[in-house]
Structures are given as C-alpha cells and as structure tokens.
C-alpha cells in the first residue's frame, strides 16, 4: 500500500534521494537537471523539507511504500500571485506507475490549494510527455497558450496549464 503524505522536518536526505532519482530516471521531464540538483548540500535539502512540511506557502508531498519513497510533488505560492498555486516536480517511480498515484498527487495538491485560499493551480509540462499531459487534462487542467523551451533540454517545449478551482 502506498501512502501519500507531507514531507517531514528531518527528511532532507530522503527528499534528495527521491528527487535525484526522478531527475536521473526521467531527465527530460524536469526543468532542473540531475547534475545541477546533485550539487546542493545537505542543508539545502533539509531547508526544502522544512519549508514543504508545514504552512500555507509551500508543500511537498511524498508517496511512500514499504520500500521507501516512490514519488513526490511540490506546490508553492508566488508573492505576485497570492491566489495561485504552482505545481512542480511531480514524479512517480516506474515500479509504482499505473496505480493512480499521479491522480492522487494532483487531488492532494488541489485540496491543499483550496484549503489555502487559491483560485487556481498552474503548472508547466513537457509537451511531448503524453502520459503527464493526459493526466493533467483528465484532472481538468487546460492549456494557457504559453510555452517555453525546457531549461534542462531546450530542444523540448514546456507548455503552461491551468486548473480553475472555483
């Protein structure tokens, strides 16, 4: 059984492990690169875990089974868009795919966003990542018309999607 829960203070090393695995396994799905993220020191990862563990400005959720962490997703609020939450970094390990974890992550971010007073959730997704795009479209996200080159691989295109919460 896989549990989705909020990251906890003191889990910086576990966050590092799952994030680096995501970047290594699916490098063309993220704006960050494995090389870039692997240079962060332990204190940075712990600060990320602390920031994502409580409060209404940021959240990091992890999926955990008996073997360890098998997925993650984050969301945050930008000061210039106080009513918008930005979903980022969603990833599910290959051995845990096809069991609905992606949808559970999206649902959890949607719930947190509503609880924290958001009107919408936005995200960037690689246009050629059909499984991710399909998941987001099924969840009600629509394209905004914005696009940009993927920072980690400019030959790919990131497209912006939006989910209205009201």
C-alpha atoms as a PDB file:
ATOM      1  CA  UNK A   1       0.000   0.000   0.000  1.00  0.00           C
ATOM      2  CA  UNK A   2       1.259   3.451  -0.906  1.00  0.00           C
ATOM      3  CA  UNK A   3       0.638   6.379   1.417  1.00  0.00           C
ATOM      4  CA  UNK A   4       0.753   9.992   0.269  1.00  0.00           C
ATOM      5  CA  UNK A   5       1.810  12.371   2.998  1.00  0.00           C
ATOM      6  CA  UNK A   6       3.531  15.667   3.570  1.00  0.00           C
ATOM      7  CA  UNK A   7       7.335  15.633   3.825  1.00  0.00           C
ATOM      8  CA  UNK A   8       8.574  15.951   7.396  1.00  0.00           C
ATOM      9  CA  UNK A   9      11.240  18.025   9.078  1.00  0.00           C
ATOM     10  CA  UNK A  10      14.390  15.902   9.178  1.00  0.00           C
ATOM     11  CA  UNK A  11      13.715  14.196   5.841  1.00  0.00           C
ATOM     12  CA  UNK A  12      16.020  16.300   3.691  1.00  0.00           C
ATOM     13  CA  UNK A  13      18.163  13.296   2.773  1.00  0.00           C
ATOM     14  CA  UNK A  14      15.078  11.286   1.760  1.00  0.00           C
ATOM     15  CA  UNK A  15      13.845  14.210  -0.334  1.00  0.00           C
ATOM     16  CA  UNK A  16      17.260  14.434  -2.003  1.00  0.00           C
ATOM     17  CA  UNK A  17      17.177  10.718  -2.770  1.00  0.00           C
ATOM     18  CA  UNK A  18      13.730  10.713  -4.413  1.00  0.00           C
ATOM     19  CA  UNK A  19      14.318  13.967  -6.326  1.00  0.00           C
ATOM     20  CA  UNK A  20      17.687  12.844  -7.697  1.00  0.00           C
ATOM     21  CA  UNK A  21      16.170   9.511  -8.687  1.00  0.00           C
ATOM     22  CA  UNK A  22      13.426  11.361 -10.559  1.00  0.00           C
ATOM     23  CA  UNK A  23      15.945  13.560 -12.380  1.00  0.00           C
ATOM     24  CA  UNK A  24      18.121  10.561 -13.240  1.00  0.00           C
ATOM     25  CA  UNK A  25      15.215   8.345 -14.371  1.00  0.00           C
ATOM     26  CA  UNK A  26      13.246  10.944 -16.361  1.00  0.00           C
ATOM     27  CA  UNK A  27      15.652  13.790 -17.183  1.00  0.00           C
ATOM     28  CA  UNK A  28      13.503  15.247 -19.963  1.00  0.00           C
ATOM     29  CA  UNK A  29      10.510  15.740 -17.678  1.00  0.00           C
ATOM     30  CA  UNK A  30      12.004  18.474 -15.500  1.00  0.00           C
ATOM     31  CA  UNK A  31      13.472  21.945 -15.888  1.00  0.00           C
ATOM     32  CA  UNK A  32      16.193  21.084 -13.353  1.00  0.00           C
ATOM     33  CA  UNK A  33      18.982  18.674 -14.216  1.00  0.00           C
ATOM     34  CA  UNK A  34      20.410  15.858 -12.122  1.00  0.00           C
ATOM     35  CA  UNK A  35      23.880  17.434 -12.290  1.00  0.00           C
ATOM     36  CA  UNK A  36      22.519  20.749 -11.057  1.00  0.00           C
ATOM     37  CA  UNK A  37      20.467  19.272  -8.208  1.00  0.00           C
ATOM     38  CA  UNK A  38      23.153  16.844  -7.056  1.00  0.00           C
ATOM     39  CA  UNK A  39      25.488  19.725  -6.169  1.00  0.00           C
ATOM     40  CA  UNK A  40      23.136  21.044  -3.470  1.00  0.00           C
ATOM     41  CA  UNK A  41      24.431  20.364   0.012  1.00  0.00           C
ATOM     42  CA  UNK A  42      22.500  18.540   2.724  1.00  0.00           C
ATOM     43  CA  UNK A  43      21.442  21.774   4.409  1.00  0.00           C
ATOM     44  CA  UNK A  44      19.614  22.935   1.254  1.00  0.00           C
ATOM     45  CA  UNK A  45      17.665  19.683   1.055  1.00  0.00           C
ATOM     46  CA  UNK A  46      16.748  19.901   4.728  1.00  0.00           C
ATOM     47  CA  UNK A  47      15.615  23.519   4.285  1.00  0.00           C
ATOM     48  CA  UNK A  48      13.415  22.385   1.392  1.00  0.00           C
ATOM     49  CA  UNK A  49      11.932  19.615   3.551  1.00  0.00           C
ATOM     50  CA  UNK A  50      11.245  22.046   6.399  1.00  0.00           C
ATOM     51  CA  UNK A  51       9.636  24.591   4.060  1.00  0.00           C
ATOM     52  CA  UNK A  52       7.466  21.932   2.446  1.00  0.00           C
ATOM     53  CA  UNK A  53       6.454  20.294   5.720  1.00  0.00           C
ATOM     54  CA  UNK A  54       4.203  22.990   7.185  1.00  0.00           C
ATOM     55  CA  UNK A  55       2.347  26.142   6.350  1.00  0.00           C
ATOM     56  CA  UNK A  56       0.331  27.559   3.520  1.00  0.00           C
ATOM     57  CA  UNK A  57       3.028  28.961   1.230  1.00  0.00           C
ATOM     58  CA  UNK A  58       4.592  25.694   0.104  1.00  0.00           C
ATOM     59  CA  UNK A  59       4.000  21.958   0.261  1.00  0.00           C
ATOM     60  CA  UNK A  60       5.996  18.878  -0.685  1.00  0.00           C
ATOM     61  CA  UNK A  61       4.131  15.596  -0.751  1.00  0.00           C
ATOM     62  CA  UNK A  62       5.755  12.187  -0.992  1.00  0.00           C
ATOM     63  CA  UNK A  63       4.440   8.747  -1.864  1.00  0.00           C
ATOM     64  CA  UNK A  64       5.776   6.045   0.418  1.00  0.00           C
ATOM     65  CA  UNK A  65       5.513   2.274   0.377  1.00  0.00           C
ATOM     66  CA  UNK A  66       7.234  -0.416   2.433  1.00  0.00           C
ATOM     67  CA  UNK A  67      10.431   0.007   0.383  1.00  0.00           C
ATOM     68  CA  UNK A  68      10.695   3.810   0.747  1.00  0.00           C
ATOM     69  CA  UNK A  69       9.717   6.912  -1.212  1.00  0.00           C
ATOM     70  CA  UNK A  70       8.313   6.180  -4.665  1.00  0.00           C
ATOM     71  CA  UNK A  71       7.166   9.634  -5.711  1.00  0.00           C
ATOM     72  CA  UNK A  72       6.881  13.303  -4.936  1.00  0.00           C
ATOM     73  CA  UNK A  73       5.197  16.531  -5.919  1.00  0.00           C
ATOM     74  CA  UNK A  74       5.525  20.103  -4.760  1.00  0.00           C
ATOM     75  CA  UNK A  75       3.471  23.263  -4.935  1.00  0.00           C
ATOM     76  CA  UNK A  76       4.176  26.816  -3.900  1.00  0.00           C
ATOM     77  CA  UNK A  77       2.751  30.327  -3.841  1.00  0.00           C
ATOM     78  CA  UNK A  78       4.487  33.265  -5.507  1.00  0.00           C
ATOM     79  CA  UNK A  79       4.210  36.661  -3.813  1.00  0.00           C
ATOM     80  CA  UNK A  80       2.979  38.290  -7.026  1.00  0.00           C
ATOM     81  CA  UNK A  81       0.222  35.664  -7.448  1.00  0.00           C
ATOM     82  CA  UNK A  82      -1.184  35.090  -3.937  1.00  0.00           C
ATOM     83  CA  UNK A  83      -4.282  33.268  -5.220  1.00  0.00           C
ATOM     84  CA  UNK A  84      -2.372  30.859  -7.475  1.00  0.00           C
ATOM     85  CA  UNK A  85      -0.538  27.687  -6.507  1.00  0.00           C
ATOM     86  CA  UNK A  86       2.221  26.372  -8.765  1.00  0.00           C
ATOM     87  CA  UNK A  87       2.526  22.598  -9.010  1.00  0.00           C
ATOM     88  CA  UNK A  88       6.038  21.335  -9.766  1.00  0.00           C
ATOM     89  CA  UNK A  89       8.303  18.312  -9.742  1.00  0.00           C
ATOM     90  CA  UNK A  90       5.653  15.601  -9.863  1.00  0.00           C
ATOM     91  CA  UNK A  91       7.196  12.187 -10.342  1.00  0.00           C
ATOM     92  CA  UNK A  92       6.228   8.573  -9.688  1.00  0.00           C
ATOM     93  CA  UNK A  93       8.820   5.784  -9.740  1.00  0.00           C
ATOM     94  CA  UNK A  94       8.446   3.346 -12.650  1.00  0.00           C
ATOM     95  CA  UNK A  95       7.572   0.438 -10.336  1.00  0.00           C
ATOM     96  CA  UNK A  96       4.725   2.481  -8.779  1.00  0.00           C
ATOM     97  CA  UNK A  97       3.163   3.761 -12.018  1.00  0.00           C
ATOM     98  CA  UNK A  98      -0.274   2.736 -13.304  1.00  0.00           C
ATOM     99  CA  UNK A  99      -1.749   2.597  -9.807  1.00  0.00           C
ATOM    100  CA  UNK A 100      -3.290   6.084  -9.742  1.00  0.00           C
ATOM    101  CA  UNK A 101      -0.572   7.863  -7.737  1.00  0.00           C
ATOM    102  CA  UNK A 102      -0.367  10.737 -10.215  1.00  0.00           C
ATOM    103  CA  UNK A 103      -4.079  11.411  -9.823  1.00  0.00           C
ATOM    104  CA  UNK A 104      -3.789  11.120  -6.052  1.00  0.00           C
ATOM    105  CA  UNK A 105      -0.957  13.676  -6.095  1.00  0.00           C
ATOM    106  CA  UNK A 106      -2.997  16.078  -8.234  1.00  0.00           C
ATOM    107  CA  UNK A 107      -6.017  15.637  -5.952  1.00  0.00           C
ATOM    108  CA  UNK A 108      -3.877  16.319  -2.860  1.00  0.00           C
ATOM    109  CA  UNK A 109      -2.389  19.475  -4.376  1.00  0.00           C
ATOM    110  CA  UNK A 110      -5.879  20.612  -5.414  1.00  0.00           C
ATOM    111  CA  UNK A 111      -7.186  20.063  -1.859  1.00  0.00           C
ATOM    112  CA  UNK A 112      -4.244  21.922  -0.296  1.00  0.00           C
ATOM    113  CA  UNK A 113      -4.679  24.752  -2.796  1.00  0.00           C
ATOM    114  CA  UNK A 114      -8.362  25.147  -1.951  1.00  0.00           C
ATOM    115  CA  UNK A 115      -7.641  24.953   1.795  1.00  0.00           C
ATOM    116  CA  UNK A 116      -5.057  27.720   1.452  1.00  0.00           C
ATOM    117  CA  UNK A 117      -7.394  30.038  -0.452  1.00  0.00           C
ATOM    118  CA  UNK A 118      -6.207  29.582  -4.023  1.00  0.00           C
ATOM    119  CA  UNK A 119      -8.380  30.248  -7.062  1.00  0.00           C
ATOM    120  CA  UNK A 120      -6.226  28.261  -9.491  1.00  0.00           C
ATOM    121  CA  UNK A 121      -3.304  25.877  -9.906  1.00  0.00           C
ATOM    122  CA  UNK A 122      -0.762  26.336 -12.700  1.00  0.00           C
ATOM    123  CA  UNK A 123       1.989  24.056 -13.932  1.00  0.00           C
ATOM    124  CA  UNK A 124       4.472  23.545 -16.746  1.00  0.00           C
ATOM    125  CA  UNK A 125       4.592  20.172 -18.516  1.00  0.00           C
ATOM    126  CA  UNK A 126       6.768  18.985 -21.378  1.00  0.00           C
ATOM    127  CA  UNK A 127       4.571  18.971 -24.471  1.00  0.00           C
ATOM    128  CA  UNK A 128       5.849  15.578 -25.634  1.00  0.00           C
ATOM    129  CA  UNK A 129       5.199  13.961 -22.214  1.00  0.00           C
ATOM    130  CA  UNK A 130       1.856  12.497 -23.247  1.00  0.00           C
ATOM    131  CA  UNK A 131       1.175  10.489 -20.048  1.00  0.00           C
ATOM    132  CA  UNK A 132       1.640  13.593 -17.862  1.00  0.00           C
ATOM    133  CA  UNK A 133      -0.341  15.862 -20.186  1.00  0.00           C
ATOM    134  CA  UNK A 134      -3.178  13.333 -20.343  1.00  0.00           C
ATOM    135  CA  UNK A 135      -3.257  13.053 -16.545  1.00  0.00           C
ATOM    136  CA  UNK A 136      -3.454  16.827 -16.147  1.00  0.00           C
ATOM    137  CA  UNK A 137      -6.117  17.174 -18.848  1.00  0.00           C
ATOM    138  CA  UNK A 138      -8.232  14.448 -17.189  1.00  0.00           C
ATOM    139  CA  UNK A 139      -7.904  16.380 -13.925  1.00  0.00           C
ATOM    140  CA  UNK A 140      -9.331  19.492 -15.601  1.00  0.00           C
ATOM    141  CA  UNK A 141      -6.183  21.444 -16.491  1.00  0.00           C
ATOM    142  CA  UNK A 142      -6.327  23.390 -19.754  1.00  0.00           C
ATOM    143  CA  UNK A 143      -3.527  24.917 -21.808  1.00  0.00           C
ATOM    144  CA  UNK A 144      -2.970  28.632 -21.356  1.00  0.00           C
ATOM    145  CA  UNK A 145      -1.226  29.150 -24.701  1.00  0.00           C
ATOM    146  CA  UNK A 146       2.095  29.906 -23.010  1.00  0.00           C
ATOM    147  CA  UNK A 147       5.153  27.848 -23.915  1.00  0.00           C
ATOM    148  CA  UNK A 148       8.900  27.988 -23.442  1.00  0.00           C
ATOM    149  CA  UNK A 149      11.961  25.814 -24.056  1.00  0.00           C
ATOM    150  CA  UNK A 150      12.610  23.295 -21.280  1.00  0.00           C
ATOM    151  CA  UNK A 151      15.509  24.703 -19.254  1.00  0.00           C
ATOM    152  CA  UNK A 152      17.312  21.359 -18.946  1.00  0.00           C
ATOM    153  CA  UNK A 153      16.835  20.469 -22.633  1.00  0.00           C
ATOM    154  CA  UNK A 154      15.945  23.456 -24.860  1.00  0.00           C
ATOM    155  CA  UNK A 155      15.073  21.131 -27.758  1.00  0.00           C
ATOM    156  CA  UNK A 156      11.881  20.264 -25.830  1.00  0.00           C
ATOM    157  CA  UNK A 157       8.927  22.571 -25.224  1.00  0.00           C
ATOM    158  CA  UNK A 158       7.282  23.207 -21.876  1.00  0.00           C
ATOM    159  CA  UNK A 159       3.609  24.202 -22.049  1.00  0.00           C
ATOM    160  CA  UNK A 160       1.688  26.003 -19.327  1.00  0.00           C
ATOM    161  CA  UNK A 161      -1.553  24.527 -17.996  1.00  0.00           C
ATOM    162  CA  UNK A 162      -4.104  25.945 -15.583  1.00  0.00           C
ATOM    163  CA  UNK A 163      -6.807  24.493 -13.357  1.00  0.00           C
ATOM    164  CA  UNK A 164      -9.570  26.799 -12.114  1.00  0.00           C
ATOM    165  CA  UNK A 165     -10.621  25.891  -8.582  1.00  0.00           C
ATOM    166  CA  UNK A 166     -13.869  27.844  -8.405  1.00  0.00           C
END
